[in-house]
Amino acid sequence: MYFFYAFLVVIVLCIFFAIKKQRPILLSVPVFALAFYVIVEIALVPGSFIDTVKFIFTLQ
């Protein structure tokens, strides 16, 4: 649950600073943070990274 609140804080801060500084590139920070989180969670699976990614994509 803490990760959810952390992502909410990151999203709110990025929106605030993107509006305040007039830099829309800051809106990509939450996307990269979420992608980084997914990669870390996949890496924590006890198995090889490639096999884990293949398993995830074969799920239906």
PDB file of N, CA and C in Angstrom:
ATOM      1  N   MET A   1       0.822  -1.196   0.000  1.00  0.00           N
ATOM      2  CA  MET A   1       0.000   0.000   0.000  1.00  0.00           C
ATOM      3  C   MET A   1       0.864   1.256   0.000  1.00  0.00           C
ATOM      4  N   TYR A   2       2.057   1.140   0.569  1.00  0.00           N
ATOM      5  CA  TYR A   2       2.948   2.296   0.604  1.00  0.00           C
ATOM      6  C   TYR A   2       3.393   2.707  -0.803  1.00  0.00           C
ATOM      7  N   PHE A   3       3.548   1.705  -1.700  1.00  0.00           N
ATOM      8  CA  PHE A   3       3.954   2.024  -3.062  1.00  0.00           C
ATOM      9  C   PHE A   3       2.873   2.826  -3.775  1.00  0.00           C
ATOM     10  N   PHE A   4       1.622   2.504  -3.494  1.00  0.00           N
ATOM     11  CA  PHE A   4       0.511   3.239  -4.094  1.00  0.00           C
ATOM     12  C   PHE A   4       0.563   4.711  -3.698  1.00  0.00           C
ATOM     13  N   TYR A   5       0.749   4.965  -2.403  1.00  0.00           N
ATOM     14  CA  TYR A   5       0.827   6.350  -1.936  1.00  0.00           C
ATOM     15  C   TYR A   5       2.077   7.049  -2.468  1.00  0.00           C
ATOM     16  N   ALA A   6       3.171   6.317  -2.588  1.00  0.00           N
ATOM     17  CA  ALA A   6       4.390   6.908  -3.141  1.00  0.00           C
ATOM     18  C   ALA A   6       4.175   7.312  -4.598  1.00  0.00           C
ATOM     19  N   PHE A   7       3.509   6.451  -5.376  1.00  0.00           N
ATOM     20  CA  PHE A   7       3.231   6.794  -6.764  1.00  0.00           C
ATOM     21  C   PHE A   7       2.265   7.968  -6.861  1.00  0.00           C
ATOM     22  N   LEU A   8       1.288   8.033  -5.969  1.00  0.00           N
ATOM     23  CA  LEU A   8       0.388   9.183  -5.962  1.00  0.00           C
ATOM     24  C   LEU A   8       1.139  10.481  -5.692  1.00  0.00           C
ATOM     25  N   VAL A   9       2.064  10.446  -4.754  1.00  0.00           N
ATOM     26  CA  VAL A   9       2.860  11.633  -4.445  1.00  0.00           C
ATOM     27  C   VAL A   9       3.706  12.029  -5.648  1.00  0.00           C
ATOM     28  N   VAL A  10       4.325  11.061  -6.298  1.00  0.00           N
ATOM     29  CA  VAL A  10       5.150  11.345  -7.480  1.00  0.00           C
ATOM     30  C   VAL A  10       4.288  11.957  -8.588  1.00  0.00           C
ATOM     31  N   ILE A  11       3.107  11.411  -8.805  1.00  0.00           N
ATOM     32  CA  ILE A  11       2.227  11.921  -9.855  1.00  0.00           C
ATOM     33  C   ILE A  11       1.782  13.348  -9.555  1.00  0.00           C
ATOM     34  N   VAL A  12       1.366  13.596  -8.321  1.00  0.00           N
ATOM     35  CA  VAL A  12       0.908  14.943  -7.956  1.00  0.00           C
ATOM     36  C   VAL A  12       2.046  15.947  -8.071  1.00  0.00           C
ATOM     37  N   LEU A  13       3.231  15.579  -7.592  1.00  0.00           N
ATOM     38  CA  LEU A  13       4.380  16.499  -7.690  1.00  0.00           C
ATOM     39  C   LEU A  13       4.758  16.767  -9.144  1.00  0.00           C
ATOM     40  N   CYS A  14       4.723  15.743  -9.965  1.00  0.00           N
ATOM     41  CA  CYS A  14       5.070  15.940 -11.374  1.00  0.00           C
ATOM     42  C   CYS A  14       4.057  16.824 -12.084  1.00  0.00           C
ATOM     43  N   ILE A  15       2.790  16.641 -11.802  1.00  0.00           N
ATOM     44  CA  ILE A  15       1.772  17.505 -12.403  1.00  0.00           C
ATOM     45  C   ILE A  15       1.942  18.940 -11.930  1.00  0.00           C
ATOM     46  N   PHE A  16       2.186  19.109 -10.635  1.00  0.00           N
ATOM     47  CA  PHE A  16       2.370  20.450 -10.082  1.00  0.00           C
ATOM     48  C   PHE A  16       3.558  21.157 -10.731  1.00  0.00           C
ATOM     49  N   PHE A  17       4.710  20.478 -10.786  1.00  0.00           N
ATOM     50  CA  PHE A  17       5.895  21.116 -11.351  1.00  0.00           C
ATOM     51  C   PHE A  17       5.810  21.269 -12.867  1.00  0.00           C
ATOM     52  N   ALA A  18       5.090  20.364 -13.545  1.00  0.00           N
ATOM     53  CA  ALA A  18       4.920  20.515 -14.994  1.00  0.00           C
ATOM     54  C   ALA A  18       4.098  21.761 -15.307  1.00  0.00           C
ATOM     55  N   ILE A  19       3.094  22.034 -14.480  1.00  0.00           N
ATOM     56  CA  ILE A  19       2.282  23.236 -14.697  1.00  0.00           C
ATOM     57  C   ILE A  19       3.046  24.484 -14.279  1.00  0.00           C
ATOM     58  N   LYS A  20       3.718  24.410 -13.141  1.00  0.00           N
ATOM     59  CA  LYS A  20       4.418  25.581 -12.617  1.00  0.00           C
ATOM     60  C   LYS A  20       5.616  25.971 -13.483  1.00  0.00           C
ATOM     61  N   LYS A  21       6.396  24.994 -13.917  1.00  0.00           N
ATOM     62  CA  LYS A  21       7.616  25.276 -14.693  1.00  0.00           C
ATOM     63  C   LYS A  21       7.379  25.271 -16.202  1.00  0.00           C
ATOM     64  N   GLN A  22       6.151  24.940 -16.631  1.00  0.00           N
ATOM     65  CA  GLN A  22       5.810  24.878 -18.061  1.00  0.00           C
ATOM     66  C   GLN A  22       6.704  23.877 -18.801  1.00  0.00           C
ATOM     67  N   ARG A  23       6.923  22.710 -18.186  1.00  0.00           N
ATOM     68  CA  ARG A  23       7.733  21.666 -18.804  1.00  0.00           C
ATOM     69  C   ARG A  23       6.919  20.367 -18.844  1.00  0.00           C
ATOM     70  N   PRO A  24       6.302  20.095 -19.958  1.00  0.00           N
ATOM     71  CA  PRO A  24       5.468  18.886 -20.038  1.00  0.00           C
ATOM     72  C   PRO A  24       6.271  17.586 -19.989  1.00  0.00           C
ATOM     73  N   ILE A  25       7.588  17.666 -20.184  1.00  0.00           N
ATOM     74  CA  ILE A  25       8.426  16.461 -20.119  1.00  0.00           C
ATOM     75  C   ILE A  25       8.403  15.856 -18.716  1.00  0.00           C
ATOM     76  N   LEU A  26       8.086  16.653 -17.707  1.00  0.00           N
ATOM     77  CA  LEU A  26       8.012  16.136 -16.344  1.00  0.00           C
ATOM     78  C   LEU A  26       6.863  15.142 -16.170  1.00  0.00           C
ATOM     79  N   LEU A  27       5.904  15.167 -17.066  1.00  0.00           N
ATOM     80  CA  LEU A  27       4.787  14.229 -16.973  1.00  0.00           C
ATOM     81  C   LEU A  27       5.197  12.802 -17.342  1.00  0.00           C
ATOM     82  N   SER A  28       6.375  12.633 -17.910  1.00  0.00           N
ATOM     83  CA  SER A  28       6.849  11.289 -18.237  1.00  0.00           C
ATOM     84  C   SER A  28       7.514  10.604 -17.040  1.00  0.00           C
ATOM     85  N   VAL A  29       7.808  11.343 -15.992  1.00  0.00           N
ATOM     86  CA  VAL A  29       8.468  10.770 -14.813  1.00  0.00           C
ATOM     87  C   VAL A  29       7.627   9.669 -14.170  1.00  0.00           C
ATOM     88  N   PRO A  30       6.316   9.831 -13.960  1.00  0.00           N
ATOM     89  CA  PRO A  30       5.547   8.725 -13.377  1.00  0.00           C
ATOM     90  C   PRO A  30       5.533   7.468 -14.249  1.00  0.00           C
ATOM     91  N   VAL A  31       5.561   7.644 -15.554  1.00  0.00           N
ATOM     92  CA  VAL A  31       5.583   6.489 -16.456  1.00  0.00           C
ATOM     93  C   VAL A  31       6.886   5.717 -16.280  1.00  0.00           C
ATOM     94  N   PHE A  32       8.002   6.438 -16.224  1.00  0.00           N
ATOM     95  CA  PHE A  32       9.288   5.780 -16.028  1.00  0.00           C
ATOM     96  C   PHE A  32       9.405   5.161 -14.638  1.00  0.00           C
ATOM     97  N   ALA A  33       8.823   5.802 -13.645  1.00  0.00           N
ATOM     98  CA  ALA A  33       8.847   5.246 -12.286  1.00  0.00           C
ATOM     99  C   ALA A  33       8.064   3.938 -12.225  1.00  0.00           C
ATOM    100  N   LEU A  34       6.925   3.902 -12.888  1.00  0.00           N
ATOM    101  CA  LEU A  34       6.124   2.672 -12.896  1.00  0.00           C
ATOM    102  C   LEU A  34       6.843   1.569 -13.667  1.00  0.00           C
ATOM    103  N   ALA A  35       7.474   1.895 -14.779  1.00  0.00           N
ATOM    104  CA  ALA A  35       8.231   0.905 -15.551  1.00  0.00           C
ATOM    105  C   ALA A  35       9.400   0.370 -14.727  1.00  0.00           C
ATOM    106  N   PHE A  36      10.075   1.247 -14.007  1.00  0.00           N
ATOM    107  CA  PHE A  36      11.174   0.826 -13.142  1.00  0.00           C
ATOM    108  C   PHE A  36      10.674  -0.112 -12.052  1.00  0.00           C
ATOM    109  N   TYR A  37       9.522   0.199 -11.471  1.00  0.00           N
ATOM    110  CA  TYR A  37       8.934  -0.645 -10.435  1.00  0.00           C
ATOM    111  C   TYR A  37       8.603  -2.038 -10.976  1.00  0.00           C
ATOM    112  N   VAL A  38       8.049  -2.108 -12.170  1.00  0.00           N
ATOM    113  CA  VAL A  38       7.716  -3.398 -12.777  1.00  0.00           C
ATOM    114  C   VAL A  38       8.973  -4.213 -13.024  1.00  0.00           C
ATOM    115  N   ILE A  39      10.022  -3.586 -13.518  1.00  0.00           N
ATOM    116  CA  ILE A  39      11.280  -4.295 -13.768  1.00  0.00           C
ATOM    117  C   ILE A  39      11.872  -4.818 -12.473  1.00  0.00           C
ATOM    118  N   VAL A  40      11.827  -4.026 -11.417  1.00  0.00           N
ATOM    119  CA  VAL A  40      12.346  -4.475 -10.117  1.00  0.00           C
ATOM    120  C   VAL A  40      11.536  -5.653  -9.595  1.00  0.00           C
ATOM    121  N   GLU A  41      10.223  -5.591  -9.711  1.00  0.00           N
ATOM    122  CA  GLU A  41       9.388  -6.700  -9.241  1.00  0.00           C
ATOM    123  C   GLU A  41       9.636  -7.972 -10.047  1.00  0.00           C
ATOM    124  N   ILE A  42       9.868  -7.856 -11.343  1.00  0.00           N
ATOM    125  CA  ILE A  42      10.194  -9.034 -12.155  1.00  0.00           C
ATOM    126  C   ILE A  42      11.548  -9.587 -11.744  1.00  0.00           C
ATOM    127  N   ALA A  43      12.483  -8.715 -11.447  1.00  0.00           N
ATOM    128  CA  ALA A  43      13.820  -9.165 -11.050  1.00  0.00           C
ATOM    129  C   ALA A  43      13.806  -9.870  -9.700  1.00  0.00           C
ATOM    130  N   LEU A  44      12.833  -9.593  -8.857  1.00  0.00           N
ATOM    131  CA  LEU A  44      12.759 -10.233  -7.547  1.00  0.00           C
ATOM    132  C   LEU A  44      12.215 -11.658  -7.606  1.00  0.00           C
ATOM    133  N   VAL A  45      11.681 -12.080  -8.741  1.00  0.00           N
ATOM    134  CA  VAL A  45      11.162 -13.438  -8.884  1.00  0.00           C
ATOM    135  C   VAL A  45      12.348 -14.403  -8.916  1.00  0.00           C
ATOM    136  N   PRO A  46      12.275 -15.471  -8.106  1.00  0.00           N
ATOM    137  CA  PRO A  46      13.409 -16.422  -8.091  1.00  0.00           C
ATOM    138  C   PRO A  46      13.428 -17.261  -9.366  1.00  0.00           C
ATOM    139  N   GLY A  47      14.129 -16.832 -10.316  1.00  0.00           N
ATOM    140  CA  GLY A  47      14.247 -17.489 -11.612  1.00  0.00           C
ATOM    141  C   GLY A  47      14.982 -16.553 -12.541  1.00  0.00           C
ATOM    142  N   SER A  48      15.256 -17.025 -13.727  1.00  0.00           N
ATOM    143  CA  SER A  48      15.968 -16.145 -14.650  1.00  0.00           C
ATOM    144  C   SER A  48      15.024 -15.063 -15.158  1.00  0.00           C
ATOM    145  N   PHE A  49      15.575 -13.927 -15.463  1.00  0.00           N
ATOM    146  CA  PHE A  49      14.781 -12.771 -15.895  1.00  0.00           C
ATOM    147  C   PHE A  49      14.038 -13.070 -17.191  1.00  0.00           C
ATOM    148  N   ILE A  50      14.726 -13.679 -18.148  1.00  0.00           N
ATOM    149  CA  ILE A  50      14.127 -13.959 -19.459  1.00  0.00           C
ATOM    150  C   ILE A  50      12.989 -14.963 -19.324  1.00  0.00           C
ATOM    151  N   ASP A  51      13.191 -16.024 -18.515  1.00  0.00           N
ATOM    152  CA  ASP A  51      12.122 -17.012 -18.330  1.00  0.00           C
ATOM    153  C   ASP A  51      10.910 -16.395 -17.652  1.00  0.00           C
ATOM    154  N   THR A  52      11.139 -15.498 -16.704  1.00  0.00           N
ATOM    155  CA  THR A  52      10.031 -14.833 -16.023  1.00  0.00           C
ATOM    156  C   THR A  52       9.242 -13.952 -16.984  1.00  0.00           C
ATOM    157  N   VAL A  53       9.925 -13.212 -17.837  1.00  0.00           N
ATOM    158  CA  VAL A  53       9.251 -12.357 -18.820  1.00  0.00           C
ATOM    159  C   VAL A  53       8.482 -13.215 -19.816  1.00  0.00           C
ATOM    160  N   LYS A  54       9.062 -14.326 -20.263  1.00  0.00           N
ATOM    161  CA  LYS A  54       8.348 -15.223 -21.177  1.00  0.00           C
ATOM    162  C   LYS A  54       7.086 -15.782 -20.509  1.00  0.00           C
ATOM    163  N   PHE A  55       7.198 -16.160 -19.239  1.00  0.00           N
ATOM    164  CA  PHE A  55       6.047 -16.691 -18.519  1.00  0.00           C
ATOM    165  C   PHE A  55       4.940 -15.642 -18.409  1.00  0.00           C
ATOM    166  N   ILE A  56       5.307 -14.414 -18.124  1.00  0.00           N
ATOM    167  CA  ILE A  56       4.315 -13.344 -17.978  1.00  0.00           C
ATOM    168  C   ILE A  56       3.576 -13.129 -19.295  1.00  0.00           C
ATOM    169  N   PHE A  57       4.289 -13.156 -20.410  1.00  0.00           N
ATOM    170  CA  PHE A  57       3.634 -12.915 -21.699  1.00  0.00           C
ATOM    171  C   PHE A  57       2.847 -14.108 -22.217  1.00  0.00           C
ATOM    172  N   THR A  58       3.088 -15.317 -21.654  1.00  0.00           N
ATOM    173  CA  THR A  58       2.306 -16.475 -22.088  1.00  0.00           C
ATOM    174  C   THR A  58       1.027 -16.641 -21.258  1.00  0.00           C
ATOM    175  N   LEU A  59       0.860 -15.874 -20.204  1.00  0.00           N
ATOM    176  CA  LEU A  59      -0.362 -15.956 -19.407  1.00  0.00           C
ATOM    177  C   LEU A  59      -1.541 -15.400 -20.199  1.00  0.00           C
ATOM    178  N   GLN A  60      -2.673 -16.004 -20.013  1.00  0.00           N
ATOM    179  CA  GLN A  60      -3.857 -15.526 -20.726  1.00  0.00           C
ATOM    180  C   GLN A  60      -4.958 -15.194 -19.774  1.00  0.00           C
TER     181      GLN A  60
END
